[in-house]
């Protein structure tokens, strides 16, 4: 795990020994997070912090991938894309305004077209 996403790691082993309501993970803001700290199921506006909280919740065992997708009306592909972007680029990679930059294959350089 790289240093930029260590704050999203669980502070315990995710071995299933603790019920989800008692599990705590470290939020993207560096604070302990429990199931009640996850975004509301009615969330429609997905800011980067909320996306990162859902990914941290699944990683930490607060809820399963299927539960997260059902709760937030996400596809598995959508969740996995958040997870990949977070792993590769940190929380800032989840910004929708940066999708082109972060989803471009590494072999393609950033090119800015400027008209003369």
Protein backbone atom coordinates (compact mmCIF):
# COMPACT_ATOMS: atom_id res chain seq x y z
CA UNK A 1 0.00 0.00 0.00
CA UNK A 2 1.45 3.39 -0.90
CA UNK A 3 1.78 6.21 1.60
CA UNK A 4 -1.02 8.24 0.04
CA UNK A 5 -3.63 5.56 0.80
CA UNK A 6 -2.43 4.32 4.14
CA UNK A 7 -5.05 6.54 5.75
CA UNK A 8 -7.71 4.36 4.13
CA UNK A 9 -6.41 1.16 5.65
CA UNK A 10 -8.26 -0.67 8.34
CA UNK A 11 -6.89 -0.37 11.86
CA UNK A 12 -7.58 -4.07 12.51
CA UNK A 13 -7.38 -7.32 10.68
CA UNK A 14 -10.44 -7.80 8.47
CA UNK A 15 -10.90 -11.39 9.57
CA UNK A 16 -14.64 -11.16 10.19
CA UNK A 17 -14.21 -11.57 13.95
CA UNK A 18 -15.93 -8.27 14.74
CA UNK A 19 -19.50 -7.48 13.69
CA UNK A 20 -19.67 -4.68 11.07
CA UNK A 21 -21.34 -2.30 13.54
CA UNK A 22 -18.28 -2.58 15.82
CA UNK A 23 -15.59 -2.39 13.15
CA UNK A 24 -13.71 0.83 12.70
CA UNK A 25 -11.62 1.88 9.76
CA UNK A 26 -9.64 5.02 9.15
CA UNK A 27 -11.54 7.48 6.98
CA UNK A 28 -9.99 9.48 4.13
CA UNK A 29 -9.82 12.35 6.63
CA UNK A 30 -7.71 10.26 9.03
CA UNK A 31 -10.40 9.69 11.66
CA UNK A 32 -11.98 6.48 12.88
CA UNK A 33 -15.03 5.59 10.82
CA UNK A 34 -17.83 3.14 11.60
CA UNK A 35 -20.85 2.01 9.59
CA UNK A 36 -22.86 5.03 10.77
CA UNK A 37 -20.22 7.36 9.30
CA UNK A 38 -20.70 6.11 5.74
CA UNK A 39 -22.62 8.34 3.31
CA UNK A 40 -26.42 8.14 3.45
CA UNK A 41 -27.98 5.54 1.13
CA UNK A 42 -29.86 8.39 -0.58
CA UNK A 43 -26.58 10.08 -1.64
CA UNK A 44 -26.80 11.44 -5.17
CA UNK A 45 -23.88 13.88 -5.19
CA UNK A 46 -20.66 11.89 -5.10
CA UNK A 47 -17.84 14.15 -3.95
CA UNK A 48 -14.40 12.58 -3.67
CA UNK A 49 -14.58 12.24 0.12
CA UNK A 50 -17.80 10.18 -0.05
CA UNK A 51 -16.41 7.90 -2.74
CA UNK A 52 -13.26 7.35 -0.67
CA UNK A 53 -15.35 6.64 2.45
CA UNK A 54 -17.33 3.93 0.65
CA UNK A 55 -14.13 2.33 -0.66
CA UNK A 56 -12.60 2.48 2.84
CA UNK A 57 -15.77 0.97 4.30
CA UNK A 58 -15.64 -1.99 1.94
CA UNK A 59 -11.89 -2.45 2.46
CA UNK A 60 -12.32 -2.34 6.22
CA UNK A 61 -15.20 -4.79 6.25
CA UNK A 62 -17.92 -2.34 7.33
CA UNK A 63 -19.96 -3.61 4.40
CA UNK A 64 -19.42 -5.98 1.51
CA UNK A 65 -19.01 -4.95 -2.11
CA UNK A 66 -22.51 -6.23 -2.87
CA UNK A 67 -23.97 -4.34 0.10
CA UNK A 68 -22.25 -1.13 -1.00
CA UNK A 69 -23.48 -1.50 -4.59
CA UNK A 70 -27.04 -2.17 -3.43
CA UNK A 71 -27.03 0.57 -0.79
CA UNK A 72 -25.70 3.24 -3.17
CA UNK A 73 -27.15 1.96 -6.49
CA UNK A 74 -23.67 1.44 -7.92
CA UNK A 75 -22.50 -1.07 -10.46
CA UNK A 76 -19.58 -3.26 -9.49
CA UNK A 77 -17.62 -1.69 -12.35
CA UNK A 78 -18.28 1.80 -10.98
CA UNK A 79 -17.11 0.82 -7.50
CA UNK A 80 -14.04 -0.94 -8.90
CA UNK A 81 -13.17 2.17 -10.93
CA UNK A 82 -13.26 4.24 -7.71
CA UNK A 83 -11.07 1.65 -6.04
CA UNK A 84 -8.54 1.62 -8.91
CA UNK A 85 -8.38 5.41 -9.14
CA UNK A 86 -7.90 5.67 -5.39
CA UNK A 87 -5.12 3.08 -5.39
CA UNK A 88 -3.30 4.62 -8.36
CA UNK A 89 -3.80 8.34 -7.76
CA UNK A 90 -5.02 8.85 -4.20
CA UNK A 91 -8.18 10.69 -3.23
CA UNK A 92 -7.65 13.39 -5.87
CA UNK A 93 -7.93 10.73 -8.58
CA UNK A 94 -11.63 10.41 -7.72
CA UNK A 95 -12.43 13.89 -9.01
CA UNK A 96 -14.71 13.64 -12.02
CA UNK A 97 -13.00 16.67 -13.55
CA UNK A 98 -9.76 14.67 -13.64
CA UNK A 99 -11.16 11.53 -15.30
CA UNK A 100 -9.39 12.18 -18.61
CA UNK A 101 -6.06 12.75 -16.91
CA UNK A 102 -6.28 9.77 -14.58
CA UNK A 103 -7.90 7.29 -16.94
CA UNK A 104 -5.52 7.92 -19.83
CA UNK A 105 -3.17 4.98 -20.41
CA UNK A 106 0.26 5.63 -18.93
CA UNK A 107 1.83 5.33 -22.39
CA UNK A 108 0.04 8.48 -23.59
CA UNK A 109 1.63 11.75 -22.42
CA UNK A 110 -0.43 14.72 -21.29
CA UNK A 111 -0.87 16.89 -24.37
CA UNK A 112 -2.40 20.34 -24.33
CA UNK A 113 -3.67 21.65 -27.65
CA UNK A 114 -3.32 25.39 -27.81
CA UNK A 115 -4.46 27.35 -30.78
CA UNK A 116 -1.96 29.97 -32.01
